[in-house]
PDB file of N, CA and C in Angstrom:
ATOM      1  N   UNK A   1      12.983  35.948 -27.400  1.00  0.00           N
ATOM      2  CA  UNK A   1      11.552  36.025 -27.527  1.00  0.00           C
ATOM      3  C   UNK A   1      11.008  34.659 -27.944  1.00  0.00           C
ATOM      4  N   UNK A   2       9.989  34.180 -27.224  1.00  0.00           N
ATOM      5  CA  UNK A   2       9.409  32.873 -27.515  1.00  0.00           C
ATOM      6  C   UNK A   2       8.394  32.955 -28.648  1.00  0.00           C
ATOM      7  N   UNK A   3       8.373  31.893 -29.400  1.00  0.00           N
ATOM      8  CA  UNK A   3       7.356  31.836 -30.454  1.00  0.00           C
ATOM      9  C   UNK A   3       6.033  31.389 -29.847  1.00  0.00           C
ATOM     10  N   UNK A   4       4.948  31.613 -30.565  1.00  0.00           N
ATOM     11  CA  UNK A   4       3.628  31.189 -30.096  1.00  0.00           C
ATOM     12  C   UNK A   4       3.553  29.679 -29.949  1.00  0.00           C
ATOM     13  N   UNK A   5       4.250  28.947 -30.822  1.00  0.00           N
ATOM     14  CA  UNK A   5       4.255  27.478 -30.748  1.00  0.00           C
ATOM     15  C   UNK A   5       4.882  27.012 -29.440  1.00  0.00           C
ATOM     16  N   UNK A   6       5.985  27.609 -29.040  1.00  0.00           N
ATOM     17  CA  UNK A   6       6.658  27.246 -27.789  1.00  0.00           C
ATOM     18  C   UNK A   6       5.761  27.572 -26.599  1.00  0.00           C
ATOM     19  N   UNK A   7       5.111  28.726 -26.620  1.00  0.00           N
ATOM     20  CA  UNK A   7       4.214  29.121 -25.530  1.00  0.00           C
ATOM     21  C   UNK A   7       3.057  28.132 -25.400  1.00  0.00           C
ATOM     22  N   UNK A   8       2.445  27.745 -26.518  1.00  0.00           N
ATOM     23  CA  UNK A   8       1.337  26.780 -26.493  1.00  0.00           C
ATOM     24  C   UNK A   8       1.816  25.427 -25.963  1.00  0.00           C
ATOM     25  N   UNK A   9       2.998  25.038 -26.369  1.00  0.00           N
ATOM     26  CA  UNK A   9       3.567  23.765 -25.921  1.00  0.00           C
ATOM     27  C   UNK A   9       3.773  23.770 -24.412  1.00  0.00           C
ATOM     28  N   UNK A  10       4.283  24.873 -23.881  1.00  0.00           N
ATOM     29  CA  UNK A  10       4.490  24.971 -22.432  1.00  0.00           C
ATOM     30  C   UNK A  10       3.171  24.947 -21.673  1.00  0.00           C
ATOM     31  N   UNK A  11       2.154  25.650 -22.176  1.00  0.00           N
ATOM     32  CA  UNK A  11       0.843  25.647 -21.521  1.00  0.00           C
ATOM     33  C   UNK A  11       0.266  24.232 -21.515  1.00  0.00           C
ATOM     34  N   UNK A  12       0.373  23.522 -22.637  1.00  0.00           N
ATOM     35  CA  UNK A  12      -0.161  22.169 -22.740  1.00  0.00           C
ATOM     36  C   UNK A  12       0.566  21.240 -21.761  1.00  0.00           C
ATOM     37  N   UNK A  13       1.897  21.340 -21.690  1.00  0.00           N
ATOM     38  CA  UNK A  13       2.683  20.522 -20.772  1.00  0.00           C
ATOM     39  C   UNK A  13       2.305  20.825 -19.335  1.00  0.00           C
ATOM     40  N   UNK A  14       2.114  22.095 -19.024  1.00  0.00           N
ATOM     41  CA  UNK A  14       1.742  22.496 -17.674  1.00  0.00           C
ATOM     42  C   UNK A  14       0.385  21.930 -17.278  1.00  0.00           C
ATOM     43  N   UNK A  15      -0.581  21.953 -18.189  1.00  0.00           N
ATOM     44  CA  UNK A  15      -1.908  21.402 -17.902  1.00  0.00           C
ATOM     45  C   UNK A  15      -1.855  19.905 -17.701  1.00  0.00           C
ATOM     46  N   UNK A  16      -1.064  19.216 -18.507  1.00  0.00           N
ATOM     47  CA  UNK A  16      -0.931  17.754 -18.369  1.00  0.00           C
ATOM     48  C   UNK A  16      -0.296  17.416 -17.040  1.00  0.00           C
ATOM     49  N   UNK A  17       0.754  18.133 -16.652  1.00  0.00           N
ATOM     50  CA  UNK A  17       1.424  17.882 -15.375  1.00  0.00           C
ATOM     51  C   UNK A  17       0.462  18.109 -14.218  1.00  0.00           C
ATOM     52  N   UNK A  18      -0.327  19.161 -14.267  1.00  0.00           N
ATOM     53  CA  UNK A  18      -1.281  19.452 -13.198  1.00  0.00           C
ATOM     54  C   UNK A  18      -2.346  18.368 -13.106  1.00  0.00           C
ATOM     55  N   UNK A  19      -2.736  17.794 -14.217  1.00  0.00           N
ATOM     56  CA  UNK A  19      -3.763  16.763 -14.214  1.00  0.00           C
ATOM     57  C   UNK A  19      -3.262  15.463 -13.596  1.00  0.00           C
ATOM     58  N   UNK A  20      -1.958  15.272 -13.519  1.00  0.00           N
ATOM     59  CA  UNK A  20      -1.390  14.030 -13.008  1.00  0.00           C
ATOM     60  C   UNK A  20      -0.971  14.110 -11.547  1.00  0.00           C
ATOM     61  N   UNK A  21      -1.226  15.211 -10.905  1.00  0.00           N
ATOM     62  CA  UNK A  21      -0.874  15.353  -9.496  1.00  0.00           C
ATOM     63  C   UNK A  21      -1.973  14.714  -8.652  1.00  0.00           C
ATOM     64  N   UNK A  22      -1.569  13.800  -7.760  1.00  0.00           N
ATOM     65  CA  UNK A  22      -2.502  13.123  -6.865  1.00  0.00           C
ATOM     66  C   UNK A  22      -2.277  13.611  -5.446  1.00  0.00           C
ATOM     67  N   UNK A  23      -3.349  13.753  -4.714  1.00  0.00           N
ATOM     68  CA  UNK A  23      -3.156  14.060  -3.306  1.00  0.00           C
ATOM     69  C   UNK A  23      -2.962  12.738  -2.549  1.00  0.00           C
ATOM     70  N   UNK A  24      -2.625  12.816  -1.284  1.00  0.00           N
ATOM     71  CA  UNK A  24      -2.322  11.619  -0.500  1.00  0.00           C
ATOM     72  C   UNK A  24      -3.512  10.669  -0.442  1.00  0.00           C
ATOM     73  N   UNK A  25      -4.709  11.200  -0.327  1.00  0.00           N
ATOM     74  CA  UNK A  25      -5.901  10.365  -0.258  1.00  0.00           C
ATOM     75  C   UNK A  25      -6.105   9.608  -1.566  1.00  0.00           C
ATOM     76  N   UNK A  26      -5.938  10.299  -2.692  1.00  0.00           N
ATOM     77  CA  UNK A  26      -6.070   9.638  -3.992  1.00  0.00           C
ATOM     78  C   UNK A  26      -5.026   8.540  -4.143  1.00  0.00           C
ATOM     79  N   UNK A  27      -3.805   8.817  -3.717  1.00  0.00           N
ATOM     80  CA  UNK A  27      -2.736   7.839  -3.828  1.00  0.00           C
ATOM     81  C   UNK A  27      -3.043   6.609  -2.970  1.00  0.00           C
ATOM     82  N   UNK A  28      -3.566   6.816  -1.781  1.00  0.00           N
ATOM     83  CA  UNK A  28      -3.892   5.700  -0.894  1.00  0.00           C
ATOM     84  C   UNK A  28      -5.000   4.828  -1.463  1.00  0.00           C
ATOM     85  N   UNK A  29      -5.895   5.420  -2.250  1.00  0.00           N
ATOM     86  CA  UNK A  29      -7.012   4.670  -2.813  1.00  0.00           C
ATOM     87  C   UNK A  29      -6.626   3.863  -4.053  1.00  0.00           C
ATOM     88  N   UNK A  30      -5.453   4.156  -4.635  1.00  0.00           N
ATOM     89  CA  UNK A  30      -5.029   3.406  -5.810  1.00  0.00           C
ATOM     90  C   UNK A  30      -4.927   1.925  -5.472  1.00  0.00           C
ATOM     91  N   UNK A  31      -5.557   1.116  -6.231  1.00  0.00           N
ATOM     92  CA  UNK A  31      -5.475  -0.323  -6.019  1.00  0.00           C
ATOM     93  C   UNK A  31      -6.317  -0.841  -4.878  1.00  0.00           C
ATOM     94  N   UNK A  32      -7.091   0.026  -4.240  1.00  0.00           N
ATOM     95  CA  UNK A  32      -7.904  -0.406  -3.107  1.00  0.00           C
ATOM     96  C   UNK A  32      -8.853  -1.517  -3.535  1.00  0.00           C
ATOM     97  N   UNK A  33      -8.820  -2.611  -2.817  1.00  0.00           N
ATOM     98  CA  UNK A  33      -9.659  -3.754  -3.134  1.00  0.00           C
ATOM     99  C   UNK A  33      -9.040  -4.680  -4.171  1.00  0.00           C
ATOM    100  N   UNK A  34      -7.881  -4.283  -4.711  1.00  0.00           N
ATOM    101  CA  UNK A  34      -7.214  -5.096  -5.721  1.00  0.00           C
ATOM    102  C   UNK A  34      -5.762  -5.388  -5.380  1.00  0.00           C
ATOM    103  N   UNK A  35      -5.121  -4.469  -4.692  1.00  0.00           N
ATOM    104  CA  UNK A  35      -3.697  -4.584  -4.396  1.00  0.00           C
ATOM    105  C   UNK A  35      -3.490  -4.602  -2.888  1.00  0.00           C
ATOM    106  N   UNK A  36      -2.542  -5.417  -2.448  1.00  0.00           N
ATOM    107  CA  UNK A  36      -2.209  -5.492  -1.031  1.00  0.00           C
ATOM    108  C   UNK A  36      -0.694  -5.620  -0.896  1.00  0.00           C
ATOM    109  N   UNK A  37      -0.218  -5.502   0.320  1.00  0.00           N
ATOM    110  CA  UNK A  37       1.195  -5.744   0.588  1.00  0.00           C
ATOM    111  C   UNK A  37       1.327  -6.481   1.908  1.00  0.00           C
ATOM    112  N   UNK A  38       2.445  -7.163   2.044  1.00  0.00           N
ATOM    113  CA  UNK A  38       2.725  -7.937   3.253  1.00  0.00           C
ATOM    114  C   UNK A  38       3.892  -7.277   3.969  1.00  0.00           C
ATOM    115  N   UNK A  39       3.720  -7.090   5.255  1.00  0.00           N
ATOM    116  CA  UNK A  39       4.767  -6.473   6.069  1.00  0.00           C
ATOM    117  C   UNK A  39       5.129  -7.416   7.206  1.00  0.00           C
ATOM    118  N   UNK A  40       6.428  -7.706   7.333  1.00  0.00           N
ATOM    119  CA  UNK A  40       6.878  -8.530   8.448  1.00  0.00           C
ATOM    120  C   UNK A  40       7.161  -7.618   9.635  1.00  0.00           C
ATOM    121  N   UNK A  41       6.751  -8.058  10.809  1.00  0.00           N
ATOM    122  CA  UNK A  41       6.998  -7.288  12.027  1.00  0.00           C
ATOM    123  C   UNK A  41       7.215  -8.248  13.186  1.00  0.00           C
ATOM    124  N   UNK A  42       7.781  -7.735  14.248  1.00  0.00           N
ATOM    125  CA  UNK A  42       7.949  -8.554  15.444  1.00  0.00           C
ATOM    126  C   UNK A  42       6.613  -8.658  16.164  1.00  0.00           C
ATOM    127  N   UNK A  43       6.535  -9.604  17.060  1.00  0.00           N
ATOM    128  CA  UNK A  43       5.291  -9.746  17.825  1.00  0.00           C
ATOM    129  C   UNK A  43       5.029  -8.499  18.674  1.00  0.00           C
ATOM    130  N   UNK A  44       6.092  -7.847  19.149  1.00  0.00           N
ATOM    131  CA  UNK A  44       5.927  -6.606  19.924  1.00  0.00           C
ATOM    132  C   UNK A  44       5.332  -5.497  19.054  1.00  0.00           C
ATOM    133  N   UNK A  45       5.834  -5.360  17.823  1.00  0.00           N
ATOM    134  CA  UNK A  45       5.290  -4.358  16.902  1.00  0.00           C
ATOM    135  C   UNK A  45       3.831  -4.662  16.576  1.00  0.00           C
ATOM    136  N   UNK A  46       3.539  -5.937  16.339  1.00  0.00           N
ATOM    137  CA  UNK A  46       2.167  -6.344  16.027  1.00  0.00           C
ATOM    138  C   UNK A  46       1.238  -6.049  17.200  1.00  0.00           C
ATOM    139  N   UNK A  47       1.709  -6.284  18.416  1.00  0.00           N
ATOM    140  CA  UNK A  47       0.889  -6.021  19.602  1.00  0.00           C
ATOM    141  C   UNK A  47       0.589  -4.536  19.739  1.00  0.00           C
ATOM    142  N   UNK A  48       1.564  -3.682  19.420  1.00  0.00           N
ATOM    143  CA  UNK A  48       1.336  -2.233  19.475  1.00  0.00           C
ATOM    144  C   UNK A  48       0.366  -1.796  18.374  1.00  0.00           C
ATOM    145  N   UNK A  49       0.500  -2.379  17.184  1.00  0.00           N
ATOM    146  CA  UNK A  49      -0.345  -1.995  16.060  1.00  0.00           C
ATOM    147  C   UNK A  49      -1.772  -2.532  16.206  1.00  0.00           C
ATOM    148  N   UNK A  50      -1.893  -3.709  16.822  1.00  0.00           N
ATOM    149  CA  UNK A  50      -3.193  -4.359  16.992  1.00  0.00           C
ATOM    150  C   UNK A  50      -3.388  -4.691  18.471  1.00  0.00           C
ATOM    151  N   UNK A  51      -3.709  -3.690  19.298  1.00  0.00           N
ATOM    152  CA  UNK A  51      -3.762  -3.897  20.754  1.00  0.00           C
ATOM    153  C   UNK A  51      -4.822  -4.900  21.210  1.00  0.00           C
ATOM    154  N   UNK A  52      -5.808  -5.187  20.388  1.00  0.00           N
ATOM    155  CA  UNK A  52      -6.850  -6.136  20.803  1.00  0.00           C
ATOM    156  C   UNK A  52      -6.437  -7.590  20.594  1.00  0.00           C
ATOM    157  N   UNK A  53      -5.338  -7.814  19.866  1.00  0.00           N
ATOM    158  CA  UNK A  53      -4.844  -9.176  19.635  1.00  0.00           C
ATOM    159  C   UNK A  53      -4.147  -9.655  20.905  1.00  0.00           C
ATOM    160  N   UNK A  54      -4.461 -10.847  21.311  1.00  0.00           N
ATOM    161  CA  UNK A  54      -3.811 -11.418  22.492  1.00  0.00           C
ATOM    162  C   UNK A  54      -3.170 -12.749  22.136  1.00  0.00           C
ATOM    163  N   UNK A  55      -2.203 -13.159  22.934  1.00  0.00           N
ATOM    164  CA  UNK A  55      -1.595 -14.477  22.781  1.00  0.00           C
ATOM    165  C   UNK A  55      -0.526 -14.592  21.714  1.00  0.00           C
ATOM    166  N   UNK A  56       0.012 -13.453  21.254  1.00  0.00           N
ATOM    167  CA  UNK A  56       1.100 -13.542  20.285  1.00  0.00           C
ATOM    168  C   UNK A  56       2.359 -14.033  20.991  1.00  0.00           C
ATOM    169  N   UNK A  57       3.045 -15.017  20.416  1.00  0.00           N
ATOM    170  CA  UNK A  57       4.267 -15.515  21.054  1.00  0.00           C
ATOM    171  C   UNK A  57       5.363 -14.445  21.054  1.00  0.00           C
ATOM    172  N   UNK A  58       5.997 -14.242  22.197  1.00  0.00           N
ATOM    173  CA  UNK A  58       7.060 -13.239  22.315  1.00  0.00           C
ATOM    174  C   UNK A  58       8.229 -13.583  21.397  1.00  0.00           C
ATOM    175  N   UNK A  59       8.789 -12.540  20.782  1.00  0.00           N
ATOM    176  CA  UNK A  59       9.994 -12.700  19.985  1.00  0.00           C
ATOM    177  C   UNK A  59       9.795 -13.357  18.627  1.00  0.00           C
ATOM    178  N   UNK A  60       8.571 -13.539  18.207  1.00  0.00           N
ATOM    179  CA  UNK A  60       8.350 -14.185  16.913  1.00  0.00           C
ATOM    180  C   UNK A  60       8.084 -13.139  15.838  1.00  0.00           C
ATOM    181  N   UNK A  61       8.285 -13.548  14.597  1.00  0.00           N
ATOM    182  CA  UNK A  61       7.961 -12.675  13.472  1.00  0.00           C
ATOM    183  C   UNK A  61       6.526 -12.923  13.045  1.00  0.00           C
ATOM    184  N   UNK A  62       5.825 -11.839  12.777  1.00  0.00           N
ATOM    185  CA  UNK A  62       4.426 -11.876  12.364  1.00  0.00           C
ATOM    186  C   UNK A  62       4.348 -11.232  10.977  1.00  0.00           C
ATOM    187  N   UNK A  63       3.472 -11.749  10.146  1.00  0.00           N
ATOM    188  CA  UNK A  63       3.288 -11.211   8.804  1.00  0.00           C
ATOM    189  C   UNK A  63       1.891 -10.602   8.724  1.00  0.00           C
ATOM    190  N   UNK A  64       1.855  -9.309   8.420  1.00  0.00           N
ATOM    191  CA  UNK A  64       0.588  -8.587   8.335  1.00  0.00           C
ATOM    192  C   UNK A  64       0.269  -8.313   6.867  1.00  0.00           C
ATOM    193  N   UNK A  65      -0.940  -8.659   6.467  1.00  0.00           N
ATOM    194  CA  UNK A  65      -1.429  -8.353   5.134  1.00  0.00           C
ATOM    195  C   UNK A  65      -2.215  -7.048   5.232  1.00  0.00           C
ATOM    196  N   UNK A  66      -1.848  -6.073   4.398  1.00  0.00           N
ATOM    197  CA  UNK A  66      -2.486  -4.757   4.405  1.00  0.00           C
ATOM    198  C   UNK A  66      -3.061  -4.461   3.032  1.00  0.00           C
ATOM    199  N   UNK A  67      -4.186  -3.762   3.010  1.00  0.00           N
ATOM    200  CA  UNK A  67      -4.726  -3.299   1.730  1.00  0.00           C
ATOM    201  C   UNK A  67      -3.852  -2.151   1.219  1.00  0.00           C
ATOM    202  N   UNK A  68      -4.086  -1.738  -0.004  1.00  0.00           N
ATOM    203  CA  UNK A  68      -3.261  -0.693  -0.616  1.00  0.00           C
ATOM    204  C   UNK A  68      -3.236   0.586   0.206  1.00  0.00           C
ATOM    205  N   UNK A  69      -4.322   0.889   0.911  1.00  0.00           N
ATOM    206  CA  UNK A  69      -4.358   2.121   1.707  1.00  0.00           C
ATOM    207  C   UNK A  69      -3.788   1.948   3.110  1.00  0.00           C
ATOM    208  N   UNK A  70      -3.274   0.746   3.408  1.00  0.00           N
ATOM    209  CA  UNK A  70      -2.651   0.495   4.708  1.00  0.00           C
ATOM    210  C   UNK A  70      -3.551  -0.153   5.734  1.00  0.00           C
ATOM    211  N   UNK A  71      -4.805  -0.378   5.397  1.00  0.00           N
ATOM    212  CA  UNK A  71      -5.725  -1.026   6.326  1.00  0.00           C
ATOM    213  C   UNK A  71      -5.289  -2.465   6.559  1.00  0.00           C
ATOM    214  N   UNK A  72      -5.108  -2.879   7.827  1.00  0.00           N
ATOM    215  CA  UNK A  72      -4.711  -4.256   8.097  1.00  0.00           C
ATOM    216  C   UNK A  72      -5.842  -5.230   7.761  1.00  0.00           C
ATOM    217  N   UNK A  73      -5.491  -6.308   7.082  1.00  0.00           N
ATOM    218  CA  UNK A  73      -6.477  -7.310   6.692  1.00  0.00           C
ATOM    219  C   UNK A  73      -6.316  -8.617   7.457  1.00  0.00           C
ATOM    220  N   UNK A  74      -5.075  -9.000   7.725  1.00  0.00           N
ATOM    221  CA  UNK A  74      -4.841 -10.288   8.400  1.00  0.00           C
ATOM    222  C   UNK A  74      -3.470 -10.300   9.047  1.00  0.00           C
ATOM    223  N   UNK A  75      -3.334 -11.074  10.126  1.00  0.00           N
ATOM    224  CA  UNK A  75      -2.051 -11.355  10.764  1.00  0.00           C
ATOM    225  C   UNK A  75      -1.827 -12.855  10.698  1.00  0.00           C
ATOM    226  N   UNK A  76      -0.637 -13.257  10.310  1.00  0.00           N
ATOM    227  CA  UNK A  76      -0.325 -14.682  10.238  1.00  0.00           C
ATOM    228  C   UNK A  76       1.081 -14.917  10.764  1.00  0.00           C
ATOM    229  N   UNK A  77       1.414 -16.198  10.912  1.00  0.00           N
ATOM    230  CA  UNK A  77       2.755 -16.536  11.381  1.00  0.00           C
ATOM    231  C   UNK A  77       3.705 -16.875  10.238  1.00  0.00           C
ATOM    232  N   UNK A  78       3.230 -16.812   8.980  1.00  0.00           N
ATOM    233  CA  UNK A  78       4.115 -17.091   7.845  1.00  0.00           C
ATOM    234  C   UNK A  78       3.740 -16.238   6.640  1.00  0.00           C
ATOM    235  N   UNK A  79       4.732 -15.972   5.828  1.00  0.00           N
ATOM    236  CA  UNK A  79       4.504 -15.210   4.601  1.00  0.00           C
ATOM    237  C   UNK A  79       3.591 -15.999   3.665  1.00  0.00           C
ATOM    238  N   UNK A  80       3.758 -17.309   3.625  1.00  0.00           N
ATOM    239  CA  UNK A  80       2.935 -18.151   2.756  1.00  0.00           C
ATOM    240  C   UNK A  80       1.461 -18.060   3.129  1.00  0.00           C
ATOM    241  N   UNK A  81       1.167 -18.029   4.413  1.00  0.00           N
ATOM    242  CA  UNK A  81      -0.229 -17.916   4.850  1.00  0.00           C
ATOM    243  C   UNK A  81      -0.803 -16.548   4.459  1.00  0.00           C
ATOM    244  N   UNK A  82       0.009 -15.493   4.575  1.00  0.00           N
ATOM    245  CA  UNK A  82      -0.439 -14.159   4.168  1.00  0.00           C
ATOM    246  C   UNK A  82      -0.695 -14.127   2.662  1.00  0.00           C
ATOM    247  N   UNK A  83       0.193 -14.759   1.885  1.00  0.00           N
ATOM    248  CA  UNK A  83      -0.001 -14.840   0.430  1.00  0.00           C
ATOM    249  C   UNK A  83      -1.276 -15.619   0.115  1.00  0.00           C
ATOM    250  N   UNK A  84      -1.506 -16.712   0.824  1.00  0.00           N
ATOM    251  CA  UNK A  84      -2.715 -17.504   0.616  1.00  0.00           C
ATOM    252  C   UNK A  84      -3.974 -16.702   0.898  1.00  0.00           C
ATOM    253  N   UNK A  85      -3.933 -15.909   1.946  1.00  0.00           N
ATOM    254  CA  UNK A  85      -5.079 -15.059   2.284  1.00  0.00           C
ATOM    255  C   UNK A  85      -5.323 -14.046   1.163  1.00  0.00           C
ATOM    256  N   UNK A  86      -4.239 -13.435   0.666  1.00  0.00           N
ATOM    257  CA  UNK A  86      -4.360 -12.463  -0.426  1.00  0.00           C
ATOM    258  C   UNK A  86      -4.931 -13.127  -1.675  1.00  0.00           C
ATOM    259  N   UNK A  87      -4.434 -14.307  -2.003  1.00  0.00           N
ATOM    260  CA  UNK A  87      -4.918 -15.017  -3.187  1.00  0.00           C
ATOM    261  C   UNK A  87      -6.388 -15.378  -3.033  1.00  0.00           C
ATOM    262  N   UNK A  88      -6.778 -15.785  -1.835  1.00  0.00           N
ATOM    263  CA  UNK A  88      -8.169 -16.118  -1.575  1.00  0.00           C
ATOM    264  C   UNK A  88      -9.100 -14.933  -1.751  1.00  0.00           C
ATOM    265  N   UNK A  89      -8.582 -13.751  -1.482  1.00  0.00           N
ATOM    266  CA  UNK A  89      -9.361 -12.517  -1.646  1.00  0.00           C
ATOM    267  C   UNK A  89      -9.126 -11.875  -3.014  1.00  0.00           C
ATOM    268  N   UNK A  90      -8.421 -12.596  -3.877  1.00  0.00           N
ATOM    269  CA  UNK A  90      -8.110 -12.119  -5.236  1.00  0.00           C
ATOM    270  C   UNK A  90      -7.392 -10.772  -5.232  1.00  0.00           C
ATOM    271  N   UNK A  91      -6.419 -10.660  -4.345  1.00  0.00           N
ATOM    272  CA  UNK A  91      -5.605  -9.457  -4.240  1.00  0.00           C
ATOM    273  C   UNK A  91      -4.232  -9.710  -4.876  1.00  0.00           C
ATOM    274  N   UNK A  92      -3.719  -8.724  -5.561  1.00  0.00           N
ATOM    275  CA  UNK A  92      -2.357  -8.779  -6.087  1.00  0.00           C
ATOM    276  C   UNK A  92      -1.442  -8.239  -5.017  1.00  0.00           C
ATOM    277  N   UNK A  93      -0.405  -9.000  -4.674  1.00  0.00           N
ATOM    278  CA  UNK A  93       0.524  -8.554  -3.642  1.00  0.00           C
ATOM    279  C   UNK A  93       1.646  -7.764  -4.287  1.00  0.00           C
ATOM    280  N   UNK A  94       1.765  -6.504  -3.880  1.00  0.00           N
ATOM    281  CA  UNK A  94       2.806  -5.624  -4.396  1.00  0.00           C
ATOM    282  C   UNK A  94       4.031  -5.729  -3.504  1.00  0.00           C
ATOM    283  N   UNK A  95       5.187  -5.601  -4.102  1.00  0.00           N
ATOM    284  CA  UNK A  95       6.432  -5.609  -3.356  1.00  0.00           C
ATOM    285  C   UNK A  95       6.688  -4.212  -2.824  1.00  0.00           C
ATOM    286  N   UNK A  96       7.027  -4.120  -1.541  1.00  0.00           N
ATOM    287  CA  UNK A  96       7.369  -2.831  -0.964  1.00  0.00           C
ATOM    288  C   UNK A  96       8.787  -2.911  -0.427  1.00  0.00           C
ATOM    289  N   UNK A  97       9.443  -1.782  -0.421  1.00  0.00           N
ATOM    290  CA  UNK A  97      10.826  -1.744   0.056  1.00  0.00           C
ATOM    291  C   UNK A  97      11.006  -0.615   1.026  1.00  0.00           C
TER     292      UNK A  97
END
């Protein structure tokens, strides 16, 4: 038989856990406008992701800067240029794996 103290503790823990659950949209908005990430891709992948871009050199690596929610912000030919773009926009670049 549980004591009233244990029951209250479980209810409190349950309420706290429920308050910390984020839906996918909330999670995507975390860091929006403040956090970005850089993704390296091939020119073929970049062409598929950004069909309006033309003139990408075949077989080269492209670096895409994305906002926290995945919105593409810039395409560059080097990680340093993507970092520079992020710094210019005062974005913190998060490491992704």
